N, C-alpha and C. Protein backbone atom coordinates (compact mmCIF):
# COMPACT_ATOMS: atom_id res chain seq x y z
N UNK A 1 -3.70 13.89 8.16
CA UNK A 1 -4.12 14.54 9.37
C UNK A 1 -5.52 14.99 9.18
N UNK A 2 -6.27 14.93 10.30
CA UNK A 2 -7.65 15.35 10.40
C UNK A 2 -7.80 16.84 10.77
N UNK A 3 -8.98 17.35 10.60
CA UNK A 3 -9.28 18.71 10.95
C UNK A 3 -10.20 18.65 12.12
N UNK A 4 -9.79 19.44 13.23
CA UNK A 4 -10.53 19.51 14.54
C UNK A 4 -11.69 20.39 14.30
N UNK A 5 -12.44 20.51 15.42
CA UNK A 5 -13.70 21.34 15.45
C UNK A 5 -13.38 22.75 15.25
N UNK A 6 -12.18 23.21 15.68
CA UNK A 6 -11.93 24.74 15.44
C UNK A 6 -11.11 24.96 14.18
N UNK A 7 -11.02 23.87 13.33
CA UNK A 7 -10.23 24.00 12.08
C UNK A 7 -8.78 23.79 12.20
N UNK A 8 -8.28 23.50 13.43
CA UNK A 8 -6.93 23.23 13.53
C UNK A 8 -6.61 21.75 13.15
N UNK A 9 -5.44 21.50 12.59
CA UNK A 9 -5.08 20.21 12.20
C UNK A 9 -4.79 19.31 13.45
N UNK A 10 -5.39 18.09 13.58
CA UNK A 10 -5.03 17.26 14.55
C UNK A 10 -4.05 16.14 13.99
N UNK A 11 -3.01 15.86 14.75
CA UNK A 11 -1.94 14.90 14.29
C UNK A 11 -2.51 13.47 14.28
N UNK A 12 -1.99 12.70 13.41
CA UNK A 12 -2.27 11.24 13.37
C UNK A 12 -1.61 10.70 14.63
N UNK A 13 -2.35 9.71 15.17
CA UNK A 13 -1.78 9.04 16.40
C UNK A 13 -1.43 7.65 15.90
N UNK A 14 -0.10 7.31 16.22
CA UNK A 14 0.43 5.98 15.90
C UNK A 14 -0.21 4.90 16.78
N UNK A 15 -0.74 3.89 16.24
CA UNK A 15 -1.38 2.81 16.91
C UNK A 15 -0.40 1.67 17.15
N UNK A 16 0.32 1.32 16.06
CA UNK A 16 1.34 0.23 16.15
C UNK A 16 2.23 0.24 14.96
N UNK A 17 3.36 -0.35 14.92
CA UNK A 17 4.19 -0.61 13.87
C UNK A 17 4.82 -2.02 13.91
N UNK A 18 4.89 -2.67 12.79
CA UNK A 18 5.43 -3.94 12.59
C UNK A 18 6.43 -3.92 11.46
N UNK A 19 7.35 -4.83 11.37
CA UNK A 19 8.21 -5.01 10.27
C UNK A 19 8.50 -6.50 10.07
N UNK A 20 8.73 -6.87 8.85
CA UNK A 20 9.12 -8.20 8.51
C UNK A 20 10.60 -8.12 8.10
N UNK A 21 11.34 -9.07 8.58
CA UNK A 21 12.80 -9.02 8.47
C UNK A 21 13.13 -10.41 7.88
N UNK A 22 13.99 -10.38 6.78
CA UNK A 22 14.59 -11.66 6.23
C UNK A 22 16.09 -11.49 6.07
N UNK A 23 16.86 -12.43 6.57
CA UNK A 23 18.28 -12.49 6.53
C UNK A 23 18.84 -11.16 7.01
N UNK A 24 18.32 -10.63 8.10
CA UNK A 24 18.86 -9.43 8.71
C UNK A 24 18.33 -8.13 8.16
N UNK A 25 17.62 -8.16 7.07
CA UNK A 25 17.18 -6.95 6.44
C UNK A 25 15.63 -6.78 6.47
N UNK A 26 15.24 -5.59 6.86
CA UNK A 26 13.90 -5.23 6.77
C UNK A 26 13.27 -5.31 5.33
N UNK A 27 12.31 -6.03 5.09
CA UNK A 27 11.69 -6.10 3.80
C UNK A 27 10.43 -5.34 3.60
N UNK A 28 9.66 -5.17 4.73
CA UNK A 28 8.45 -4.40 4.70
C UNK A 28 8.22 -3.80 6.10
N UNK A 29 7.66 -2.64 6.11
CA UNK A 29 7.25 -2.02 7.37
C UNK A 29 5.77 -1.69 7.29
N UNK A 30 5.04 -1.92 8.27
CA UNK A 30 3.60 -1.50 8.36
C UNK A 30 3.35 -0.72 9.70
N UNK A 31 2.69 0.45 9.39
CA UNK A 31 2.46 1.27 10.50
C UNK A 31 0.91 1.61 10.56
N UNK A 32 0.34 1.46 11.67
CA UNK A 32 -1.12 1.75 11.78
C UNK A 32 -1.19 3.20 12.47
N UNK A 33 -2.11 4.01 11.89
CA UNK A 33 -2.25 5.35 12.54
C UNK A 33 -3.74 5.64 12.53
N UNK A 34 -4.19 6.39 13.52
CA UNK A 34 -5.58 6.78 13.73
C UNK A 34 -5.61 8.21 13.14
N UNK A 35 -6.45 8.37 12.05
CA UNK A 35 -6.64 9.69 11.40
C UNK A 35 -8.09 9.95 11.25
N UNK A 36 -8.57 11.03 11.74
CA UNK A 36 -10.05 11.42 11.57
C UNK A 36 -10.96 10.41 11.69
N UNK A 37 -10.90 9.59 12.80
CA UNK A 37 -11.89 8.53 13.02
C UNK A 37 -11.65 7.23 12.23
N UNK A 38 -10.60 7.20 11.38
CA UNK A 38 -10.39 6.04 10.60
C UNK A 38 -9.06 5.49 10.99
N UNK A 39 -8.78 4.22 10.58
CA UNK A 39 -7.42 3.64 10.77
C UNK A 39 -6.83 3.59 9.40
N UNK A 40 -5.68 4.01 9.35
CA UNK A 40 -4.81 3.97 8.12
C UNK A 40 -3.64 3.10 8.28
N UNK A 41 -3.32 2.32 7.36
CA UNK A 41 -2.07 1.48 7.37
C UNK A 41 -1.21 1.93 6.27
N UNK A 42 0.08 2.41 6.74
CA UNK A 42 1.06 2.93 5.87
C UNK A 42 2.05 1.77 5.69
N UNK A 43 2.41 1.50 4.41
CA UNK A 43 3.28 0.38 4.06
C UNK A 43 4.50 0.83 3.36
N UNK A 44 5.69 0.35 3.74
CA UNK A 44 6.90 0.62 3.01
C UNK A 44 7.56 -0.64 2.66
N UNK A 45 7.84 -0.85 1.36
CA UNK A 45 8.54 -2.11 0.98
C UNK A 45 9.98 -1.72 0.51
N UNK A 46 10.89 -2.51 1.08
CA UNK A 46 12.34 -2.21 0.88
C UNK A 46 12.79 -3.17 -0.21
N UNK A 47 13.59 -2.70 -1.08
CA UNK A 47 14.17 -3.55 -2.17
C UNK A 47 15.05 -4.71 -1.53
N UNK A 48 14.99 -5.88 -2.00
CA UNK A 48 15.77 -7.01 -1.46
C UNK A 48 17.06 -7.09 -2.20
N UNK A 49 17.30 -6.33 -3.33
CA UNK A 49 18.55 -6.35 -4.06
C UNK A 49 19.09 -4.84 -4.09
N UNK A 50 20.29 -4.69 -4.21
CA UNK A 50 20.92 -3.35 -4.25
C UNK A 50 21.12 -2.86 -2.84
N UNK A 51 21.49 -1.64 -2.78
CA UNK A 51 21.90 -0.92 -1.44
C UNK A 51 21.08 0.25 -1.11
N UNK A 52 19.92 0.44 -1.85
CA UNK A 52 19.12 1.65 -1.54
C UNK A 52 18.52 1.63 -0.10
N UNK A 53 18.45 2.69 0.43
CA UNK A 53 17.87 2.79 1.81
C UNK A 53 16.35 3.01 1.81
N UNK A 54 15.85 3.66 0.80
CA UNK A 54 14.47 4.14 0.71
C UNK A 54 13.50 3.09 0.45
N UNK A 55 12.42 3.11 1.29
CA UNK A 55 11.29 2.21 1.05
C UNK A 55 10.43 2.74 -0.03
N UNK A 56 9.85 1.81 -0.72
CA UNK A 56 8.88 2.14 -1.75
C UNK A 56 7.51 2.18 -0.99
N UNK A 57 6.85 3.36 -0.97
CA UNK A 57 5.62 3.40 -0.24
C UNK A 57 4.46 2.75 -1.04
N UNK A 58 3.57 2.05 -0.34
CA UNK A 58 2.31 1.42 -0.93
C UNK A 58 1.23 1.88 -0.17
N UNK A 59 0.06 2.06 -0.82
CA UNK A 59 -1.08 2.66 -0.08
C UNK A 59 -1.10 4.03 0.00
N UNK A 60 -1.59 4.67 1.04
CA UNK A 60 -2.04 4.11 2.31
C UNK A 60 -3.40 3.33 2.12
N UNK A 61 -3.58 2.46 3.08
CA UNK A 61 -4.85 1.74 3.05
C UNK A 61 -5.67 2.17 4.20
N UNK A 62 -6.88 2.67 3.94
CA UNK A 62 -7.80 3.14 4.98
C UNK A 62 -8.88 2.17 5.32
N UNK A 63 -9.19 2.01 6.65
CA UNK A 63 -10.12 1.09 7.14
C UNK A 63 -11.09 1.84 8.12
N UNK A 64 -12.36 1.34 8.11
CA UNK A 64 -13.30 2.06 8.97
C UNK A 64 -13.03 1.91 10.45
N UNK A 65 -12.41 0.87 10.85
CA UNK A 65 -12.13 0.64 12.27
C UNK A 65 -10.90 -0.12 12.45
N UNK A 66 -10.44 -0.20 13.73
CA UNK A 66 -9.16 -0.82 14.14
C UNK A 66 -9.22 -2.26 13.84
N UNK A 67 -10.32 -3.01 14.08
CA UNK A 67 -10.39 -4.45 13.74
C UNK A 67 -10.06 -4.84 12.37
N UNK A 68 -10.60 -4.09 11.40
CA UNK A 68 -10.35 -4.32 10.03
C UNK A 68 -8.90 -4.01 9.67
N UNK A 69 -8.27 -3.01 10.23
CA UNK A 69 -6.91 -2.71 10.01
C UNK A 69 -5.96 -3.78 10.51
N UNK A 70 -6.29 -4.23 11.67
CA UNK A 70 -5.45 -5.35 12.35
C UNK A 70 -5.64 -6.55 11.57
N UNK A 71 -6.75 -6.88 11.03
CA UNK A 71 -6.85 -8.15 10.24
C UNK A 71 -6.03 -8.06 9.04
N UNK A 72 -6.05 -6.90 8.34
CA UNK A 72 -5.17 -6.69 7.19
C UNK A 72 -3.64 -6.93 7.48
N UNK A 73 -3.21 -6.26 8.57
CA UNK A 73 -1.81 -6.34 8.87
C UNK A 73 -1.49 -7.84 9.31
N UNK A 74 -2.30 -8.52 10.04
CA UNK A 74 -2.06 -9.83 10.49
C UNK A 74 -1.96 -10.80 9.24
N UNK A 75 -2.85 -10.60 8.27
CA UNK A 75 -2.85 -11.41 7.09
C UNK A 75 -1.55 -11.18 6.36
N UNK A 76 -1.13 -9.86 6.16
CA UNK A 76 0.02 -9.60 5.43
C UNK A 76 1.23 -10.12 6.14
N UNK A 77 1.32 -9.94 7.40
CA UNK A 77 2.49 -10.53 8.14
C UNK A 77 2.54 -12.11 8.16
N UNK A 78 1.45 -12.69 8.19
CA UNK A 78 1.44 -14.21 8.11
C UNK A 78 1.93 -14.56 6.72
N UNK A 79 1.68 -13.85 5.69
CA UNK A 79 2.17 -14.21 4.37
C UNK A 79 3.68 -14.10 4.38
N UNK A 80 4.20 -13.06 4.97
CA UNK A 80 5.66 -12.87 5.12
C UNK A 80 6.36 -13.90 5.85
N UNK A 81 5.69 -14.35 6.96
CA UNK A 81 6.11 -15.49 7.73
C UNK A 81 6.35 -16.79 6.90
N UNK A 82 5.31 -17.05 6.11
CA UNK A 82 5.34 -18.23 5.20
C UNK A 82 6.54 -18.02 4.24
N UNK A 83 6.87 -16.90 3.81
CA UNK A 83 8.06 -16.62 2.96
C UNK A 83 9.41 -16.63 3.70
N UNK A 84 9.36 -16.96 5.01
CA UNK A 84 10.66 -17.07 5.66
C UNK A 84 11.08 -15.84 6.49
N UNK A 85 10.26 -14.80 6.59
CA UNK A 85 10.59 -13.63 7.38
C UNK A 85 10.16 -13.83 8.84
N UNK A 86 10.83 -13.03 9.67
CA UNK A 86 10.46 -12.92 11.05
C UNK A 86 9.86 -11.59 11.26
N UNK A 87 8.87 -11.48 12.15
CA UNK A 87 8.03 -10.28 12.34
C UNK A 87 8.46 -9.67 13.68
N UNK A 88 8.61 -8.39 13.61
CA UNK A 88 9.08 -7.57 14.78
C UNK A 88 8.19 -6.42 15.09
N UNK A 89 8.02 -6.10 16.28
CA UNK A 89 7.28 -4.90 16.72
C UNK A 89 8.16 -3.68 16.65
N UNK A 90 7.57 -2.48 16.30
CA UNK A 90 8.29 -1.30 16.42
C UNK A 90 9.07 -1.07 15.14
N UNK A 91 9.42 0.22 14.99
CA UNK A 91 10.22 0.55 13.83
C UNK A 91 11.71 0.50 14.17
N UNK A 92 12.46 0.17 13.22
CA UNK A 92 13.90 0.22 13.39
C UNK A 92 14.55 0.53 12.14
N UNK A 93 15.67 1.26 12.26
CA UNK A 93 16.45 1.66 11.09
C UNK A 93 16.86 0.41 10.27
N UNK A 94 16.73 0.50 8.96
CA UNK A 94 17.14 -0.61 8.15
C UNK A 94 18.65 -0.67 8.01
N UNK A 95 19.15 -1.87 8.24
CA UNK A 95 20.60 -1.97 8.12
C UNK A 95 21.03 -2.46 6.78
N UNK A 96 22.09 -1.91 6.24
CA UNK A 96 22.62 -2.26 4.94
C UNK A 96 23.66 -3.36 5.05
N UNK A 97 23.66 -4.19 4.07
CA UNK A 97 24.72 -5.14 3.96
C UNK A 97 25.32 -4.95 2.51
N UNK A 98 26.57 -5.06 2.35
CA UNK A 98 27.17 -4.93 1.07
C UNK A 98 26.58 -5.98 0.19
N UNK A 99 26.42 -5.66 -1.11
CA UNK A 99 26.03 -6.61 -2.14
C UNK A 99 27.17 -6.95 -2.89
N UNK A 100 27.45 -8.25 -3.00
CA UNK A 100 28.71 -8.69 -3.68
C UNK A 100 28.58 -8.25 -5.16
N UNK A 101 29.86 -8.09 -5.74
CA UNK A 101 29.90 -7.71 -7.16
C UNK A 101 29.53 -8.96 -7.91
N UNK A 102 28.87 -8.73 -9.08
CA UNK A 102 28.49 -9.88 -9.91
C UNK A 102 29.63 -10.40 -10.73
N UNK A 103 30.78 -9.68 -10.69
CA UNK A 103 31.95 -10.07 -11.54
C UNK A 103 32.72 -11.15 -10.97
């Protein structure tokens, strides 16, 4: 959050969110937010094994402008597409699928 002219906190403004999905499971989420004149990318990586719901946060990654932030996100999502993921706009709850027993 940024500090306004009167010392009040100004909320971050969401610019976009994207997620990469493989086999019906979200594997990464990327969220762009505007904070104090900078663009921040918040990243959450979801485990591909196990049944945990919680994303592992990476970053955040700060960029001086929107163009640099978008370049970063586009490159990251392109890599996930090469790995067989589909890319979706917006945030969505991660769905769990049962993991078969190893026995």
